[in-house]
Amino acid sequence: MFRVITLEREYGSGAASIAKILASRLGWTLWDAAFTREIARRLNCNVETVEQREERPDPAFYRLARIFMRGSFEDATGSKLEFLDAENLAALFERVCNDIADQGNCIVVGRGAPWFLRERAEAFHLFVYAPYDVKLNRVQAQGKTREEAEELLASVDKERAAFVKKYYNKIWPQRDLYHMMINSKVGYEVVADLVLREMELLSGMPLGLHSVSPVQDVGRTI
């Protein structure tokens, strides 16, 4: 029985909307903005430290933070990381992912969750992508100029792939990790329908869907 969904995505593919729909239908907790806040809480963040670290010649931890927070939810904590380098941040993501999965009935957006939870039978791993023009329109609809949208589409996924290659020696996205990879051009509701149907087929049992349910955490990841 699936109790966790990990949702990895191309930037601009509509992951936040899809995650929100899935969380609402299932009555599960959405970990997107809340994931960022949990990282900040565990690090006892403060902005002064980040400002000092940014001035160092090779702030690997800062670049890594930007990779995972850029093109994702950027809450009030920004990237205020107290004291860690890239390796420690990766290890912290893994601990938080596993702590969340232990609670069950949750959806985790990004943050390497498909890799960190790859051995968990209760986790359903989803990858969402979309054609370039669709992603471009979606990013612009979020208030970005065409130039800004094009820059984000050109860089965010490239940075994610570079991080995964450097720290895990894997290709992003690693296709064998996922139960399902789907083109979101068909629409968010349709994607949610297909994902839930696939989960039911794989588990061999109904999911007990909710018609209306509050979503505890909705990030702005697109």
Protein backbone atom coordinates (compact mmCIF):
# COMPACT_ATOMS: atom_id res chain seq x y z
CA MET A 1 0.00 0.00 0.00
CA PHE A 2 1.44 3.35 -1.00
CA ARG A 3 1.69 5.91 1.80
CA VAL A 4 4.13 8.34 0.22
CA ILE A 5 4.35 10.07 -3.17
CA THR A 6 7.60 11.66 -4.26
CA LEU A 7 7.19 14.16 -7.06
CA GLU A 8 10.25 15.14 -9.06
CA ARG A 9 9.84 17.47 -11.99
CA GLU A 10 11.17 19.63 -14.73
CA TYR A 11 11.01 23.30 -13.89
CA GLY A 12 7.78 24.78 -15.23
CA SER A 13 5.99 21.45 -15.56
CA GLY A 14 3.31 22.36 -13.01
CA ALA A 15 4.43 20.20 -10.10
CA ALA A 16 2.92 22.44 -7.42
CA SER A 17 -0.54 22.33 -8.94
CA ILE A 18 -0.40 18.58 -9.45
CA ALA A 19 0.91 17.99 -5.93
CA LYS A 20 -1.85 20.18 -4.50
CA ILE A 21 -4.54 18.22 -6.37
CA LEU A 22 -3.12 14.87 -5.27
CA ALA A 23 -2.84 16.00 -1.65
CA SER A 24 -6.41 17.27 -1.69
CA ARG A 25 -7.87 14.10 -3.18
CA LEU A 26 -5.94 11.81 -0.87
CA GLY A 27 -6.20 13.95 2.25
CA TRP A 28 -2.42 13.77 2.61
CA THR A 29 0.10 16.32 3.84
CA LEU A 30 2.01 18.22 1.17
CA TRP A 31 5.70 18.76 1.90
CA ASP A 32 6.96 21.56 -0.28
CA ALA A 33 7.06 24.86 1.60
CA ALA A 34 7.03 22.88 4.84
CA PHE A 35 10.15 21.00 3.76
CA THR A 36 12.03 24.27 3.36
CA ARG A 37 10.83 25.46 6.76
CA GLU A 38 11.86 22.19 8.37
CA ILE A 39 15.36 22.50 6.93
CA ALA A 40 15.56 26.06 8.26
CA ARG A 41 14.29 24.98 11.68
CA ARG A 42 16.85 22.21 12.01
CA LEU A 43 19.66 24.54 10.99
CA ASN A 44 18.62 27.40 13.28
CA CYS A 45 19.10 29.70 10.31
CA ASN A 46 20.07 33.34 10.32
CA VAL A 47 20.60 35.68 7.41
CA GLU A 48 23.84 37.20 8.72
CA THR A 49 25.68 33.90 8.35
CA VAL A 50 24.53 33.52 4.77
CA GLU A 51 25.71 37.02 3.92
CA GLN A 52 29.14 36.17 5.29
CA ARG A 53 29.28 32.85 3.47
CA GLU A 54 28.26 34.38 0.17
CA GLU A 55 31.47 36.37 0.12
CA ARG A 56 33.68 33.29 0.25
CA PRO A 57 35.38 32.26 -3.01
CA ASP A 58 33.73 28.85 -3.27
CA PRO A 59 30.43 28.85 -1.34
CA ALA A 60 29.38 25.33 -2.41
CA PHE A 61 26.72 25.13 0.26
CA TYR A 62 25.14 28.35 -0.95
CA ARG A 63 25.06 27.28 -4.58
CA LEU A 64 23.48 24.00 -3.53
CA ALA A 65 20.85 25.77 -1.48
CA ARG A 66 20.00 27.89 -4.49
CA ILE A 67 19.70 24.81 -6.69
CA PHE A 68 17.05 23.34 -4.43
CA MET A 69 15.27 26.55 -3.49
CA ARG A 70 15.52 28.37 -6.80
CA GLY A 71 12.59 27.46 -8.96
CA SER A 72 10.97 26.13 -5.84
CA PHE A 73 9.19 27.53 -2.83
CA GLU A 74 11.05 30.54 -1.45
CA ASP A 75 9.58 31.27 1.94
CA ALA A 76 10.53 33.92 4.43
CA THR A 77 13.71 32.12 5.41
CA GLY A 78 15.17 32.46 1.91
CA SER A 79 18.47 30.58 1.91
CA LYS A 80 19.60 31.45 5.42
CA LEU A 81 21.76 28.42 6.15
CA GLU A 82 23.67 28.51 9.39
CA PHE A 83 26.74 26.40 8.89
CA LEU A 84 26.78 23.68 6.29
CA ASP A 85 28.53 22.66 3.11
CA ALA A 86 27.01 20.82 0.16
CA GLU A 87 27.66 17.32 1.49
CA ASN A 88 26.05 18.12 4.83
CA LEU A 89 23.05 19.70 3.17
CA ALA A 90 22.55 16.59 1.03
CA ALA A 91 22.72 14.42 4.15
CA LEU A 92 20.21 16.69 5.90
CA PHE A 93 17.78 16.42 2.97
CA GLU A 94 18.02 12.63 3.24
CA ARG A 95 17.31 12.63 6.98
CA VAL A 96 14.32 14.94 6.58
CA CYS A 97 12.94 12.88 3.68
CA ASN A 98 13.09 9.71 5.73
CA ASP A 99 11.55 11.36 8.78
CA ILE A 100 8.67 12.57 6.61
CA ALA A 101 8.22 9.14 5.03
CA ASP A 102 8.07 7.57 8.48
CA GLN A 103 4.97 9.67 9.15
CA GLY A 104 3.30 8.44 5.95
CA ASN A 105 0.32 9.83 4.04
CA CYS A 106 2.40 12.57 2.47
CA ILE A 107 3.62 14.04 -0.82
CA VAL A 108 7.20 15.28 -1.07
CA VAL A 109 8.06 17.65 -3.91
CA GLY A 110 11.66 17.51 -5.18
CA ARG A 111 14.60 17.65 -2.74
CA GLY A 112 15.99 14.33 -3.99
CA ALA A 113 13.15 12.39 -2.38
CA PRO A 114 12.87 9.68 -5.11
CA TRP A 115 16.52 8.80 -4.56
CA PHE A 116 16.46 9.04 -0.77
CA LEU A 117 13.32 6.89 -0.52
CA ARG A 118 14.17 4.47 -3.33
CA GLU A 119 14.22 1.42 -1.03
CA ARG A 120 10.82 2.11 0.53
CA ALA A 121 8.08 -0.11 -0.86
CA GLU A 122 5.40 2.30 0.37
CA ALA A 123 6.72 5.17 -1.78
CA PHE A 124 5.34 5.89 -5.25
CA HIS A 125 7.79 7.86 -7.35
CA LEU A 126 6.49 10.28 -9.98
CA PHE A 127 8.33 12.43 -12.52
CA VAL A 128 6.49 15.23 -14.33
CA TYR A 129 7.74 16.90 -17.50
CA ALA A 130 6.27 19.08 -20.26
CA PRO A 131 7.16 20.53 -23.68
CA TYR A 132 9.27 23.68 -23.65
CA ASP A 133 6.55 25.99 -24.93
CA VAL A 134 4.12 24.78 -22.29
CA LYS A 135 6.68 25.33 -19.54
CA LEU A 136 7.54 28.76 -20.90
CA ASN A 137 3.90 29.84 -20.84
CA ARG A 138 3.43 28.51 -17.32
CA VAL A 139 6.47 30.31 -15.95
CA GLN A 140 5.39 33.56 -17.59
CA ALA A 141 1.93 33.11 -16.10
CA GLN A 142 3.61 33.20 -12.68
CA GLY A 143 4.66 36.78 -13.37
CA LYS A 144 8.07 36.27 -15.01
CA THR A 145 9.08 38.10 -18.15
CA ARG A 146 9.86 36.01 -21.21
CA GLU A 147 13.57 36.67 -20.69
CA GLU A 148 13.39 35.62 -17.04
CA ALA A 149 11.38 32.52 -17.90
CA GLU A 150 13.83 31.48 -20.60
CA GLU A 151 16.77 31.91 -18.21
CA LEU A 152 15.09 29.81 -15.54
CA LEU A 153 14.20 27.06 -17.98
CA ALA A 154 17.76 27.03 -19.27
CA SER A 155 19.43 26.86 -15.86
CA VAL A 156 17.33 25.33 -13.06
CA ASP A 157 17.14 21.77 -14.35
CA LYS A 158 20.75 21.94 -15.53
CA GLU A 159 21.83 22.82 -11.99
CA ARG A 160 19.74 20.03 -10.48
CA ALA A 161 21.28 17.52 -12.88
CA ALA A 162 24.80 18.76 -12.10
CA PHE A 163 24.21 18.39 -8.37
CA VAL A 164 22.86 14.84 -8.68
CA LYS A 165 25.79 13.87 -10.88
CA LYS A 166 28.38 15.37 -8.55
CA TYR A 167 27.07 14.10 -5.24
CA TYR A 168 25.40 10.82 -6.22
CA ASN A 169 27.05 10.01 -9.56
CA LYS A 170 23.62 9.55 -11.11
CA ILE A 171 21.92 10.92 -14.17
CA TRP A 172 18.99 13.25 -13.48
CA PRO A 173 16.32 12.14 -13.96
CA GLN A 174 17.25 8.54 -13.23
CA ARG A 175 14.38 6.85 -15.03
CA ASP A 176 14.52 3.50 -13.28
CA LEU A 177 13.65 5.20 -9.98
CA TYR A 178 10.18 6.19 -11.10
CA HIS A 179 6.95 4.27 -11.20
CA MET A 180 5.59 6.83 -13.64
CA MET A 181 6.87 9.64 -15.85
CA ILE A 182 4.14 11.78 -17.36
CA ASN A 183 3.74 14.77 -19.67
CA SER A 184 1.67 17.41 -17.88
CA LYS A 185 0.56 19.04 -21.15
CA VAL A 186 -2.66 17.02 -20.85
CA GLY A 187 -3.65 19.11 -17.81
CA TYR A 188 -3.15 18.90 -14.08
CA GLU A 189 -6.43 17.19 -13.25
CA VAL A 190 -5.85 14.56 -15.93
CA VAL A 191 -2.35 13.93 -14.62
CA ALA A 192 -3.73 13.47 -11.11
CA ASP A 193 -6.36 11.03 -12.41
CA LEU A 194 -3.73 8.96 -14.20
CA VAL A 195 -1.35 8.95 -11.25
CA LEU A 196 -4.00 7.78 -8.81
CA ARG A 197 -5.17 5.11 -11.24
CA GLU A 198 -1.60 3.85 -11.64
CA MET A 199 -1.14 3.73 -7.88
CA GLU A 200 -4.31 1.69 -7.49
CA LEU A 201 -3.25 -0.72 -10.23
CA LEU A 202 0.19 -1.23 -8.75
CA SER A 203 -1.03 -1.63 -5.18
CA GLY A 204 -4.05 -3.72 -6.11
CA MET A 205 -6.35 -1.80 -3.82
CA PRO A 206 -8.36 1.45 -3.82
CA LEU A 207 -6.82 4.54 -2.28
CA GLY A 208 -9.91 5.82 -0.47
CA LEU A 209 -9.99 9.19 -2.17
CA HIS A 210 -11.39 12.35 -0.60
CA SER A 211 -13.66 14.59 -2.64
CA VAL A 212 -12.61 17.66 -0.64
CA SER A 213 -9.75 17.90 1.82
CA PRO A 214 -7.64 20.72 3.19
CA VAL A 215 -4.05 20.83 1.97
CA GLN A 216 -1.70 21.50 4.85
CA ASP A 217 1.19 22.88 2.83
CA VAL A 218 1.30 24.23 -0.70
CA GLY A 219 4.59 25.54 -2.06
CA ARG A 220 5.04 27.57 -5.20
CA THR A 221 7.16 25.08 -7.09
CA ILE A 222 6.26 25.10 -10.75
